[in-house]
C-alpha atoms as a PDB file:
ATOM      1  CA  MET A   1       0.000   0.000   0.000  1.00  0.00           C
ATOM      2  CA  VAL A   2       1.259   3.461  -0.856  1.00  0.00           C
ATOM      3  CA  GLU A   3       2.318   5.596   2.123  1.00  0.00           C
ATOM      4  CA  LEU A   4      -0.574   7.973   2.656  1.00  0.00           C
ATOM      5  CA  ALA A   5       1.168  10.478   4.896  1.00  0.00           C
ATOM      6  CA  ARG A   6       4.316  10.931   6.918  1.00  0.00           C
ATOM      7  CA  ASN A   7       2.818  13.274   9.441  1.00  0.00           C
ATOM      8  CA  PRO A   8       1.154  11.288  12.245  1.00  0.00           C
ATOM      9  CA  LEU A   9      -1.243  14.170  12.789  1.00  0.00           C
ATOM     10  CA  VAL A  10      -2.920  13.162   9.531  1.00  0.00           C
ATOM     11  CA  GLU A  11      -5.472  10.478  10.325  1.00  0.00           C
ATOM     12  CA  LEU A  12      -4.613   7.316   8.416  1.00  0.00           C
ATOM     13  CA  PRO A  13      -7.502   4.906   7.722  1.00  0.00           C
ATOM     14  CA  GLU A  14      -6.137   2.198  10.042  1.00  0.00           C
ATOM     15  CA  ARG A  15      -5.880   4.613  12.987  1.00  0.00           C
ATOM     16  CA  ARG A  16      -9.608   4.347  13.483  1.00  0.00           C
ATOM     17  CA  ASP A  17      -8.830   0.867  14.806  1.00  0.00           C
ATOM     18  CA  GLY A  18      -6.111   2.157  17.124  1.00  0.00           C
ATOM     19  CA  ILE A  19      -3.211   1.071  14.887  1.00  0.00           C
ATOM     20  CA  VAL A  20      -0.999   4.030  14.088  1.00  0.00           C
ATOM     21  CA  PHE A  21       1.204   1.807  11.926  1.00  0.00           C
ATOM     22  CA  CYS A  22       2.459  -1.762  11.857  1.00  0.00           C
ATOM     23  CA  TYR A  23       5.389  -3.534  10.181  1.00  0.00           C
ATOM     24  CA  HIS A  24       6.166  -7.185   9.635  1.00  0.00           C
ATOM     25  CA  VAL A  25       9.941  -7.597   9.490  1.00  0.00           C
ATOM     26  CA  VAL A  26      11.193 -10.751   7.766  1.00  0.00           C
ATOM     27  CA  ASP A  27      14.874 -11.256   6.877  1.00  0.00           C
ATOM     28  CA  GLY A  28      15.552  -7.530   7.082  1.00  0.00           C
ATOM     29  CA  LYS A  29      12.602  -6.580   4.843  1.00  0.00           C
ATOM     30  CA  ASN A  30       9.936  -4.266   6.292  1.00  0.00           C
ATOM     31  CA  GLU A  31       6.383  -4.928   5.123  1.00  0.00           C
ATOM     32  CA  ARG A  32       3.716  -2.391   6.057  1.00  0.00           C
ATOM     33  CA  LEU A  33       0.552  -4.000   7.443  1.00  0.00           C
ATOM     34  CA  ILE A  34      -2.934  -2.490   7.337  1.00  0.00           C
ATOM     35  CA  GLY A  35      -5.712  -3.536   9.701  1.00  0.00           C
ATOM     36  CA  TRP A  36      -6.064  -6.030  12.526  1.00  0.00           C
ATOM     37  CA  ASP A  37      -6.587  -9.021  10.231  1.00  0.00           C
ATOM     38  CA  ALA A  38      -3.195  -8.471   8.632  1.00  0.00           C
ATOM     39  CA  VAL A  39      -1.613  -8.036  12.066  1.00  0.00           C
ATOM     40  CA  GLU A  40      -3.059 -11.289  13.408  1.00  0.00           C
ATOM     41  CA  ALA A  41      -2.004 -13.148  10.257  1.00  0.00           C
ATOM     42  CA  ALA A  42       1.563 -11.870  10.543  1.00  0.00           C
ATOM     43  CA  MET A  43       1.738 -12.795  14.236  1.00  0.00           C
ATOM     44  CA  THR A  44       0.723 -16.389  13.489  1.00  0.00           C
ATOM     45  CA  ALA A  45       2.978 -16.701  10.433  1.00  0.00           C
ATOM     46  CA  GLY A  46       5.814 -18.101  12.528  1.00  0.00           C
ATOM     47  CA  HIS A  47       8.624 -16.170  10.835  1.00  0.00           C
ATOM     48  CA  GLY A  48      10.061 -12.727  11.401  1.00  0.00           C
ATOM     49  CA  PHE A  49       8.562 -10.385  13.982  1.00  0.00           C
ATOM     50  CA  VAL A  50       5.841  -7.732  14.126  1.00  0.00           C
ATOM     51  CA  TRP A  51       6.205  -4.139  15.288  1.00  0.00           C
ATOM     52  CA  LEU A  52       2.819  -2.746  16.278  1.00  0.00           C
ATOM     53  CA  HIS A  53       2.482   0.930  17.232  1.00  0.00           C
ATOM     54  CA  LEU A  54      -0.835   1.695  18.951  1.00  0.00           C
ATOM     55  CA  ASP A  55      -2.857   4.735  19.901  1.00  0.00           C
ATOM     56  CA  LEU A  56      -4.060   4.201  23.486  1.00  0.00           C
ATOM     57  CA  SER A  57      -6.673   6.932  23.128  1.00  0.00           C
ATOM     58  CA  VAL A  58      -8.617   4.514  20.871  1.00  0.00           C
ATOM     59  CA  ARG A  59     -10.696   1.938  22.694  1.00  0.00           C
ATOM     60  CA  ARG A  60     -10.033  -0.802  20.137  1.00  0.00           C
ATOM     61  CA  ALA A  61      -6.284  -0.647  20.869  1.00  0.00           C
ATOM     62  CA  ARG A  62      -6.835  -0.969  24.617  1.00  0.00           C
ATOM     63  CA  GLU A  63      -9.181  -3.908  24.071  1.00  0.00           C
ATOM     64  CA  TRP A  64      -6.600  -5.676  21.909  1.00  0.00           C
ATOM     65  CA  ILE A  65      -3.909  -5.218  24.570  1.00  0.00           C
ATOM     66  CA  ALA A  66      -6.221  -6.602  27.271  1.00  0.00           C
ATOM     67  CA  GLN A  67      -6.817  -9.775  25.208  1.00  0.00           C
ATOM     68  CA  ALA A  68      -3.348 -10.217  23.641  1.00  0.00           C
ATOM     69  CA  HIS A  69      -2.092 -13.680  24.575  1.00  0.00           C
ATOM     70  CA  ALA A  70       1.369 -12.834  23.258  1.00  0.00           C
ATOM     71  CA  ILE A  71       1.771 -10.345  26.117  1.00  0.00           C
ATOM     72  CA  PRO A  72       2.060 -11.605  29.732  1.00  0.00           C
ATOM     73  CA  GLU A  73      -1.088 -10.818  31.681  1.00  0.00           C
ATOM     74  CA  ASP A  74       0.671  -8.634  34.256  1.00  0.00           C
ATOM     75  CA  LEU A  75       2.188  -6.491  31.515  1.00  0.00           C
ATOM     76  CA  ARG A  76      -1.119  -5.982  29.697  1.00  0.00           C
ATOM     77  CA  VAL A  77      -2.296  -3.724  32.507  1.00  0.00           C
ATOM     78  CA  GLU A  78       1.020  -1.852  32.551  1.00  0.00           C
ATOM     79  CA  LEU A  79       0.973  -1.409  28.780  1.00  0.00           C
ATOM     80  CA  GLY A  80      -2.454   0.218  28.830  1.00  0.00           C
ATOM     81  CA  SER A  81      -2.061   2.283  32.011  1.00  0.00           C
ATOM     82  CA  SER A  82      -1.243   5.985  32.296  1.00  0.00           C
ATOM     83  CA  ASP A  83       1.805   5.755  34.571  1.00  0.00           C
ATOM     84  CA  VAL A  84       4.540   8.124  33.355  1.00  0.00           C
ATOM     85  CA  ARG A  85       7.500   6.940  35.455  1.00  0.00           C
ATOM     86  CA  THR A  86      10.470   6.177  33.219  1.00  0.00           C
ATOM     87  CA  ARG A  87      11.587   2.604  33.755  1.00  0.00           C
ATOM     88  CA  LEU A  88      12.833  -0.573  32.099  1.00  0.00           C
ATOM     89  CA  GLU A  89      11.957  -4.052  33.391  1.00  0.00           C
ATOM     90  CA  SER A  90      12.598  -7.640  32.373  1.00  0.00           C
ATOM     91  CA  TYR A  91       9.681 -10.034  32.892  1.00  0.00           C
ATOM     92  CA  GLN A  92       9.442 -13.701  31.938  1.00  0.00           C
ATOM     93  CA  GLY A  93      11.889 -13.389  29.075  1.00  0.00           C
ATOM     94  CA  THR A  94      10.267 -10.215  27.727  1.00  0.00           C
ATOM     95  CA  LEU A  95      11.101  -6.535  28.101  1.00  0.00           C
ATOM     96  CA  PHE A  96       8.812  -3.726  29.226  1.00  0.00           C
ATOM     97  CA  GLY A  97       9.600  -0.041  29.482  1.00  0.00           C
ATOM     98  CA  VAL A  98       8.054   3.397  29.877  1.00  0.00           C
ATOM     99  CA  PHE A  99       9.973   6.270  28.339  1.00  0.00           C
ATOM    100  CA  THR A 100       9.553   9.992  27.863  1.00  0.00           C
ATOM    101  CA  ASP A 101       9.163  11.472  24.407  1.00  0.00           C
ATOM    102  CA  MET A 102       8.149  14.792  22.884  1.00  0.00           C
ATOM    103  CA  GLN A 103       4.775  15.208  21.257  1.00  0.00           C
ATOM    104  CA  TYR A 104       4.721  15.493  17.487  1.00  0.00           C
ATOM    105  CA  ASP A 105       2.959  18.810  16.967  1.00  0.00           C
ATOM    106  CA  ILE A 106       2.739  21.485  14.303  1.00  0.00           C
ATOM    107  CA  ASP A 107       4.538  23.835  16.713  1.00  0.00           C
ATOM    108  CA  PRO A 108       8.288  23.165  16.298  1.00  0.00           C
ATOM    109  CA  ASP A 109       8.991  23.937  19.958  1.00  0.00           C
ATOM    110  CA  LEU A 110       9.791  20.780  21.911  1.00  0.00           C
ATOM    111  CA  THR A 111       7.802  21.634  25.007  1.00  0.00           C
ATOM    112  CA  GLU A 112       4.959  19.125  25.100  1.00  0.00           C
ATOM    113  CA  ILE A 113       5.832  15.869  26.831  1.00  0.00           C
ATOM    114  CA  SER A 114       4.516  12.515  25.725  1.00  0.00           C
ATOM    115  CA  THR A 115       5.034   8.988  27.071  1.00  0.00           C
ATOM    116  CA  VAL A 116       5.768   5.860  25.051  1.00  0.00           C
ATOM    117  CA  ARG A 117       5.211   2.384  26.492  1.00  0.00           C
ATOM    118  CA  ILE A 118       7.235  -0.452  24.983  1.00  0.00           C
ATOM    119  CA  PHE A 119       6.854  -4.226  25.125  1.00  0.00           C
ATOM    120  CA  GLY A 120       9.256  -6.572  23.411  1.00  0.00           C
ATOM    121  CA  SER A 121       9.501 -10.306  22.913  1.00  0.00           C
ATOM    122  CA  GLU A 122      11.098 -12.617  20.375  1.00  0.00           C
ATOM    123  CA  GLN A 123       8.282 -12.252  17.831  1.00  0.00           C
ATOM    124  CA  LEU A 124       6.418  -9.097  18.845  1.00  0.00           C
ATOM    125  CA  VAL A 125       7.274  -5.493  19.664  1.00  0.00           C
ATOM    126  CA  VAL A 126       4.446  -3.233  20.800  1.00  0.00           C
ATOM    127  CA  SER A 127       4.820   0.503  21.356  1.00  0.00           C
ATOM    128  CA  ALA A 128       1.861   2.511  22.610  1.00  0.00           C
ATOM    129  CA  ARG A 129       1.174   6.173  23.299  1.00  0.00           C
ATOM    130  CA  ARG A 130      -1.750   8.551  23.830  1.00  0.00           C
ATOM    131  CA  HIS A 131      -0.322  11.515  21.903  1.00  0.00           C
ATOM    132  CA  PRO A 132       1.627  11.651  18.619  1.00  0.00           C
ATOM    133  CA  SER A 133       5.224  10.669  19.311  1.00  0.00           C
ATOM    134  CA  ARG A 134       8.127  12.420  17.629  1.00  0.00           C
ATOM    135  CA  SER A 135      10.604   9.565  18.147  1.00  0.00           C
ATOM    136  CA  MET A 136       8.277   6.860  16.879  1.00  0.00           C
ATOM    137  CA  ASP A 137       7.569   8.869  13.746  1.00  0.00           C
ATOM    138  CA  ARG A 138      11.313   9.266  13.125  1.00  0.00           C
ATOM    139  CA  LEU A 139      11.786   5.521  13.529  1.00  0.00           C
ATOM    140  CA  ARG A 140       8.843   4.806  11.217  1.00  0.00           C
ATOM    141  CA  ARG A 141      10.396   6.993   8.543  1.00  0.00           C
ATOM    142  CA  THR A 142      13.699   5.159   8.981  1.00  0.00           C
ATOM    143  CA  LEU A 143      11.993   1.801   8.434  1.00  0.00           C
ATOM    144  CA  HIS A 144      10.034   3.174   5.503  1.00  0.00           C
ATOM    145  CA  ASP A 145      13.321   4.290   3.929  1.00  0.00           C
ATOM    146  CA  GLY A 146      14.642   0.735   4.134  1.00  0.00           C
ATOM    147  CA  LYS A 147      16.546   0.393   7.402  1.00  0.00           C
ATOM    148  CA  VAL A 148      17.575  -3.223   7.966  1.00  0.00           C
ATOM    149  CA  LEU A 149      16.851  -4.605  11.438  1.00  0.00           C
ATOM    150  CA  ARG A 150      18.644  -7.592  12.902  1.00  0.00           C
ATOM    151  CA  GLY A 151      15.616  -8.509  14.989  1.00  0.00           C
ATOM    152  CA  PRO A 152      13.201  -7.257  17.672  1.00  0.00           C
ATOM    153  CA  ALA A 153      16.044  -6.509  20.092  1.00  0.00           C
ATOM    154  CA  ASP A 154      17.694  -4.263  17.488  1.00  0.00           C
ATOM    155  CA  LEU A 155      14.370  -2.468  16.996  1.00  0.00           C
ATOM    156  CA  ILE A 156      13.987  -1.861  20.751  1.00  0.00           C
ATOM    157  CA  ALA A 157      17.559  -0.609  21.112  1.00  0.00           C
ATOM    158  CA  THR A 158      17.080   1.704  18.106  1.00  0.00           C
ATOM    159  CA  MET A 159      13.768   2.859  19.552  1.00  0.00           C
ATOM    160  CA  LEU A 160      15.393   3.811  22.867  1.00  0.00           C
ATOM    161  CA  ALA A 161      18.236   5.561  21.047  1.00  0.00           C
ATOM    162  CA  HIS A 162      15.704   7.674  19.119  1.00  0.00           C
ATOM    163  CA  LEU A 163      13.873   8.479  22.358  1.00  0.00           C
ATOM    164  CA  ALA A 164      17.116   9.585  24.012  1.00  0.00           C
ATOM    165  CA  GLU A 165      18.035  11.750  21.009  1.00  0.00           C
ATOM    166  CA  THR A 166      14.621  13.425  20.942  1.00  0.00           C
ATOM    167  CA  VAL A 167      14.694  14.233  24.651  1.00  0.00           C
ATOM    168  CA  GLU A 168      18.271  15.451  24.255  1.00  0.00           C
ATOM    169  CA  MET A 169      17.066  17.866  21.564  1.00  0.00           C
ATOM    170  CA  ALA A 170      14.495  19.242  24.015  1.00  0.00           C
ATOM    171  CA  VAL A 171      17.160  19.681  26.710  1.00  0.00           C
ATOM    172  CA  VAL A 172      19.492  21.417  24.222  1.00  0.00           C
ATOM    173  CA  GLU A 173      16.661  23.779  23.271  1.00  0.00           C
ATOM    174  CA  LEU A 174      16.065  24.442  26.967  1.00  0.00           C
ATOM    175  CA  ILE A 175      19.761  25.244  27.476  1.00  0.00           C
ATOM    176  CA  ASP A 176      19.727  27.590  24.457  1.00  0.00           C
ATOM    177  CA  SER A 177      16.775  29.421  26.004  1.00  0.00           C
ATOM    178  CA  LEU A 178      18.729  29.777  29.243  1.00  0.00           C
ATOM    179  CA  ASP A 179      21.660  31.210  27.252  1.00  0.00           C
ATOM    180  CA  ASP A 180      19.361  33.818  25.716  1.00  0.00           C
ATOM    181  CA  ILE A 181      17.919  34.788  29.104  1.00  0.00           C
ATOM    182  CA  GLU A 182      21.404  35.014  30.606  1.00  0.00           C
ATOM    183  CA  ASP A 183      22.537  37.344  27.804  1.00  0.00           C
ATOM    184  CA  ARG A 184      19.520  39.570  28.357  1.00  0.00           C
ATOM    185  CA  LEU A 185      20.203  39.733  32.094  1.00  0.00           C
ATOM    186  CA  LEU A 186      23.870  40.640  31.561  1.00  0.00           C
ATOM    187  CA  GLU A 187      22.830  43.386  29.145  1.00  0.00           C
ATOM    188  CA  GLY A 188      20.231  44.696  31.579  1.00  0.00           C
ATOM    189  CA  ARG A 189      17.317  43.795  29.285  1.00  0.00           C
ATOM    190  CA  ARG A 190      15.124  42.030  31.801  1.00  0.00           C
ATOM    191  CA  GLY A 191      11.832  42.661  30.004  1.00  0.00           C
ATOM    192  CA  SER A 192       9.896  39.388  29.946  1.00  0.00           C
ATOM    193  CA  ALA A 193      12.919  37.377  31.128  1.00  0.00           C
ATOM    194  CA  ARG A 194      11.239  36.566  34.432  1.00  0.00           C
ATOM    195  CA  GLU A 195       8.179  35.111  32.706  1.00  0.00           C
ATOM    196  CA  ASP A 196      10.300  33.178  30.192  1.00  0.00           C
ATOM    197  CA  LEU A 197      12.532  31.809  32.931  1.00  0.00           C
ATOM    198  CA  GLY A 198       9.504  30.725  34.928  1.00  0.00           C
ATOM    199  CA  ALA A 199       8.149  28.798  31.927  1.00  0.00           C
ATOM    200  CA  ILE A 200      11.535  27.126  31.388  1.00  0.00           C
ATOM    201  CA  ARG A 201      11.782  26.089  35.038  1.00  0.00           C
ATOM    202  CA  ARG A 202       8.282  24.603  34.977  1.00  0.00           C
ATOM    203  CA  PHE A 203       9.064  22.639  31.810  1.00  0.00           C
ATOM    204  CA  ALA A 204      12.392  21.427  33.257  1.00  0.00           C
ATOM    205  CA  VAL A 205      10.688  20.215  36.433  1.00  0.00           C
ATOM    206  CA  ARG A 206       8.023  18.336  34.432  1.00  0.00           C
ATOM    207  CA  LEU A 207      10.618  16.784  32.147  1.00  0.00           C
ATOM    208  CA  HIS A 208      12.838  15.744  35.049  1.00  0.00           C
ATOM    209  CA  ARG A 209       9.872  14.179  36.817  1.00  0.00           C
ATOM    210  CA  HIS A 210       9.199  12.091  33.720  1.00  0.00           C
ATOM    211  CA  LEU A 211      12.867  11.212  33.238  1.00  0.00           C
ATOM    212  CA  ALA A 212      13.544  10.199  36.844  1.00  0.00           C
ATOM    213  CA  LEU A 213      15.258   6.898  36.098  1.00  0.00           C
ATOM    214  CA  LYS A 214      15.525   4.107  38.613  1.00  0.00           C
ATOM    215  CA  ARG A 215      19.068   3.615  37.418  1.00  0.00           C
ATOM    216  CA  ARG A 216      19.904   0.548  39.468  1.00  0.00           C
ATOM    217  CA  ALA A 217      16.972  -1.451  38.107  1.00  0.00           C
ATOM    218  CA  VAL A 218      17.577  -0.185  34.569  1.00  0.00           C
ATOM    219  CA  PHE A 219      21.264  -1.103  34.568  1.00  0.00           C
ATOM    220  CA  GLN A 220      20.444  -4.517  36.019  1.00  0.00           C
ATOM    221  CA  VAL A 221      18.250  -5.148  32.979  1.00  0.00           C
ATOM    222  CA  CYS A 222      20.995  -3.876  30.683  1.00  0.00           C
ATOM    223  CA  ALA A 223      23.500  -6.182  32.355  1.00  0.00           C
ATOM    224  CA  ARG A 224      21.188  -9.203  32.035  1.00  0.00           C
ATOM    225  CA  PRO A 225      18.808  -8.542  29.119  1.00  0.00           C
ATOM    226  CA  PRO A 226      16.226 -11.108  27.930  1.00  0.00           C
ATOM    227  CA  ALA A 227      17.428 -14.121  25.944  1.00  0.00           C
ATOM    228  CA  PHE A 228      16.332 -12.728  22.560  1.00  0.00           C
ATOM    229  CA  PHE A 229      18.957  -9.971  22.912  1.00  0.00           C
ATOM    230  CA  ALA A 230      22.220 -10.807  21.162  1.00  0.00           C
ATOM    231  CA  GLU A 231      25.489  -9.387  22.479  1.00  0.00           C
ATOM    232  CA  GLU A 232      25.453  -6.611  19.896  1.00  0.00           C
ATOM    233  CA  ASP A 233      21.848  -5.730  20.780  1.00  0.00           C
ATOM    234  CA  ALA A 234      22.694  -5.657  24.499  1.00  0.00           C
ATOM    235  CA  THR A 235      25.574  -3.271  23.783  1.00  0.00           C
ATOM    236  CA  ASP A 236      23.267  -0.960  21.796  1.00  0.00           C
ATOM    237  CA  LEU A 237      20.718  -1.092  24.625  1.00  0.00           C
ATOM    238  CA  ARG A 238      23.329  -0.103  27.211  1.00  0.00           C
ATOM    239  CA  GLU A 239      24.526   2.761  25.016  1.00  0.00           C
ATOM    240  CA  ALA A 240      20.960   4.065  24.596  1.00  0.00           C
ATOM    241  CA  ILE A 241      20.317   3.914  28.343  1.00  0.00           C
ATOM    242  CA  GLU A 242      23.645   5.610  29.085  1.00  0.00           C
ATOM    243  CA  GLN A 243      22.733   8.336  26.608  1.00  0.00           C
ATOM    244  CA  LEU A 244      19.407   8.814  28.364  1.00  0.00           C
ATOM    245  CA  GLY A 245      21.217   8.963  31.711  1.00  0.00           C
ATOM    246  CA  ALA A 246      23.535  11.647  30.322  1.00  0.00           C
ATOM    247  CA  VAL A 247      20.485  13.620  29.196  1.00  0.00           C
ATOM    248  CA  VAL A 248      19.110  13.423  32.751  1.00  0.00           C
ATOM    249  CA  ASP A 249      22.426  14.757  34.092  1.00  0.00           C
ATOM    250  CA  ASP A 250      22.344  17.630  31.579  1.00  0.00           C
ATOM    251  CA  LEU A 251      18.783  18.395  32.609  1.00  0.00           C
ATOM    252  CA  VAL A 252      19.773  18.530  36.290  1.00  0.00           C
ATOM    253  CA  SER A 253      22.585  20.948  35.405  1.00  0.00           C
ATOM    254  CA  ALA A 254      20.133  23.073  33.422  1.00  0.00           C
ATOM    255  CA  GLN A 255      17.763  23.144  36.402  1.00  0.00           C
ATOM    256  CA  GLU A 256      20.582  24.331  38.676  1.00  0.00           C
ATOM    257  CA  ARG A 257      21.524  26.985  36.138  1.00  0.00           C
ATOM    258  CA  ALA A 258      17.911  28.143  35.867  1.00  0.00           C
ATOM    259  CA  LYS A 259      17.795  28.391  39.652  1.00  0.00           C
ATOM    260  CA  LEU A 260      20.956  30.516  39.695  1.00  0.00           C
ATOM    261  CA  LEU A 261      19.575  32.764  36.947  1.00  0.00           C
ATOM    262  CA  TYR A 262      16.366  33.184  38.908  1.00  0.00           C
ATOM    263  CA  GLU A 263      18.378  34.150  41.992  1.00  0.00           C
ATOM    264  CA  GLU A 264      20.453  36.577  39.914  1.00  0.00           C
ATOM    265  CA  MET A 265      17.287  38.122  38.518  1.00  0.00           C
ATOM    266  CA  ALA A 266      15.833  38.436  42.004  1.00  0.00           C
ATOM    267  CA  ALA A 267      19.089  40.059  43.201  1.00  0.00           C
ATOM    268  CA  GLN A 268      18.995  42.584  40.341  1.00  0.00           C
ATOM    269  CA  GLN A 269      15.387  43.447  41.082  1.00  0.00           C
ATOM    270  CA  ALA A 270      16.191  43.794  44.793  1.00  0.00           C
ATOM    271  CA  GLU A 271      19.123  46.067  43.899  1.00  0.00           C
ATOM    272  CA  VAL A 272      16.870  48.274  41.763  1.00  0.00           C
ATOM    273  CA  ALA A 273      14.255  48.380  44.535  1.00  0.00           C
ATOM    274  CA  ASN A 274      16.896  49.294  47.137  1.00  0.00           C
ATOM    275  CA  ARG A 275      18.291  52.034  44.900  1.00  0.00           C
ATOM    276  CA  ASN A 276      14.830  53.495  44.372  1.00  0.00           C
ATOM    277  CA  LEU A 277      14.153  53.288  48.090  1.00  0.00           C
ATOM    278  CA  LEU A 278      17.427  55.079  48.823  1.00  0.00           C
ATOM    279  CA  ILE A 279      16.505  57.889  46.412  1.00  0.00           C
ATOM    280  CA  LEU A 280      13.118  58.276  48.082  1.00  0.00           C
ATOM    281  CA  SER A 281      14.740  58.268  51.522  1.00  0.00           C
ATOM    282  CA  VAL A 282      17.268  60.961  50.531  1.00  0.00           C
ATOM    283  CA  LEU A 283      14.544  63.145  49.029  1.00  0.00           C
ATOM    284  CA  THR A 284      12.475  62.705  52.168  1.00  0.00           C
ATOM    285  CA  ALA A 285      15.437  63.672  54.386  1.00  0.00           C
ATOM    286  CA  VAL A 286      16.222  66.725  52.223  1.00  0.00           C
ATOM    287  CA  PHE A 287      12.653  68.012  52.067  1.00  0.00           C
ATOM    288  CA  MET A 288      11.781  67.342  55.691  1.00  0.00           C
ATOM    289  CA  PRO A 289      13.554  70.507  57.080  1.00  0.00           C
ATOM    290  CA  MET A 290      12.138  72.511  54.165  1.00  0.00           C
ATOM    291  CA  THR A 291       8.688  71.226  55.069  1.00  0.00           C
ATOM    292  CA  LEU A 292       9.296  72.356  58.652  1.00  0.00           C
ATOM    293  CA  VAL A 293      10.068  75.875  57.428  1.00  0.00           C
ATOM    294  CA  THR A 294       6.916  75.983  55.319  1.00  0.00           C
ATOM    295  CA  GLY A 295       4.921  74.658  58.255  1.00  0.00           C
ATOM    296  CA  VAL A 296       6.208  77.343  60.586  1.00  0.00           C
ATOM    297  CA  PHE A 297       5.594  80.191  58.165  1.00  0.00           C
ATOM    298  CA  GLY A 298       2.252  78.751  57.216  1.00  0.00           C
ATOM    299  CA  MET A 299       0.850  79.192  60.731  1.00  0.00           C
ATOM    300  CA  ASN A 300      -1.912  81.781  60.807  1.00  0.00           C
ATOM    301  CA  VAL A 301      -1.075  83.325  64.185  1.00  0.00           C
ATOM    302  CA  ALA A 302      -0.454  86.868  65.365  1.00  0.00           C
ATOM    303  CA  GLY A 303       3.153  88.039  65.546  1.00  0.00           C
ATOM    304  CA  LEU A 304       4.389  85.922  62.628  1.00  0.00           C
ATOM    305  CA  PRO A 305       7.387  87.813  61.119  1.00  0.00           C
ATOM    306  CA  GLY A 306       7.147  89.022  57.560  1.00  0.00           C
ATOM    307  CA  LEU A 307       3.390  89.359  57.376  1.00  0.00           C
ATOM    308  CA  VAL A 308       3.633  92.954  56.143  1.00  0.00           C
ATOM    309  CA  ALA A 309       7.188  92.925  54.682  1.00  0.00           C
ATOM    310  CA  PRO A 310       7.073  93.186  50.844  1.00  0.00           C
ATOM    311  CA  HIS A 311      10.026  90.747  50.351  1.00  0.00           C
ATOM    312  CA  ALA A 312       9.179  88.213  53.060  1.00  0.00           C
ATOM    313  CA  PHE A 313       8.141  85.512  50.556  1.00  0.00           C
ATOM    314  CA  TRP A 314      11.513  85.576  48.775  1.00  0.00           C
ATOM    315  CA  TRP A 315      13.416  85.536  52.085  1.00  0.00           C
ATOM    316  CA  THR A 316      11.380  82.494  53.107  1.00  0.00           C
ATOM    317  CA  MET A 317      12.093  80.736  49.818  1.00  0.00           C
ATOM    318  CA  LEU A 318      15.801  81.496  50.235  1.00  0.00           C
ATOM    319  CA  LEU A 319      15.718  80.071  53.751  1.00  0.00           C
ATOM    320  CA  MET A 320      14.032  76.896  52.486  1.00  0.00           C
ATOM    321  CA  ALA A 321      16.644  76.469  49.722  1.00  0.00           C
ATOM    322  CA  LEU A 322      19.465  77.042  52.205  1.00  0.00           C
ATOM    323  CA  VAL A 323      18.042  74.480  54.626  1.00  0.00           C
ATOM    324  CA  GLY A 324      17.636  71.978  51.759  1.00  0.00           C
ATOM    325  CA  VAL A 325      21.252  72.455  50.588  1.00  0.00           C
ATOM    326  CA  LEU A 326      22.576  72.107  54.153  1.00  0.00           C
ATOM    327  CA  SER A 327      20.541  68.901  54.630  1.00  0.00           C
ATOM    328  CA  PHE A 328      21.876  67.477  51.368  1.00  0.00           C
ATOM    329  CA  LEU A 329      25.505  68.307  52.257  1.00  0.00           C
ATOM    330  CA  GLY A 330      25.008  66.841  55.715  1.00  0.00           C
ATOM    331  CA  LEU A 331      23.752  63.551  54.301  1.00  0.00           C
ATOM    332  CA  ARG A 332      26.711  63.392  51.878  1.00  0.00           C
ATOM    333  CA  ARG A 333      29.162  64.068  54.720  1.00  0.00           C
ATOM    334  CA  LEU A 334      27.633  61.188  56.662  1.00  0.00           C
ATOM    335  CA  ASN A 335      28.032  58.935  53.573  1.00  0.00           C
ATOM    336  CA  ILE A 336      24.315  58.174  53.517  1.00  0.00           C
ATOM    337  CA  PHE A 337      24.520  57.983  49.723  1.00  0.00           C
END
């Protein structure tokens, strides 16, 4: 069948059944399957393996997972759940994992987080998500362009490598945004930097919460992968997990940097506020004696000097100016400012 679209946002006919796409891989050749009948036939063919990518927002996909005999019963619930904790587990000779990905959206900004659930066995690989997945679409394009897979373990390792690369792109974009905010702060152009930095910190916290790896359990699986993993596949799996771990470390560093930038921004704002407060305090101290003079000469009582003198107003203004200048010089002498 001719490829109808490469953008997963375009609804393909088979997606109404919950199948985003499906491939039957035999001797390195990737055959695109359409519909559940073709999937079931390929699974019972007894040669090669099937990669099935499902949309969990479609009821038909969830029903198939709940009844799939090729998937251990305990993992059927995990595969259809909404848990977002990143993990990798080995179970009865199969592999199950939950990994973070970026949503495939029209907006090029990598800010929307998605979750991909992966199950792998010797003859079946199932990946499932609720939102369009950027990594899975990249991998689909790679297969469509003729990538040769050694087997299901190679597909899973490649899948995890794509996931790590996609998340790494999001972290790099986050770091670039921090660079831009830092430049604006150094140049004194705060503008909307506070709002932008707040958005970056919120995204970093969400991403880190999704990427929080249970590293000990993950590396135990990498050290002793299921039997259908060859030595070369196990090496690729370890490299993909190590890459994902490095991305987590970079994200932690970016979070610390964002925190420091936020503190620097708060310090700059506090410095501006203190400077403004000092100016107001100096003006208050300078005008206070002048206000006293105006208060005294503003009293409407008998015997007030200058009531009938023609130049009394100007003498009063001169006295006020003199008192103001003396107050200002006194504050400077005391190093108040």
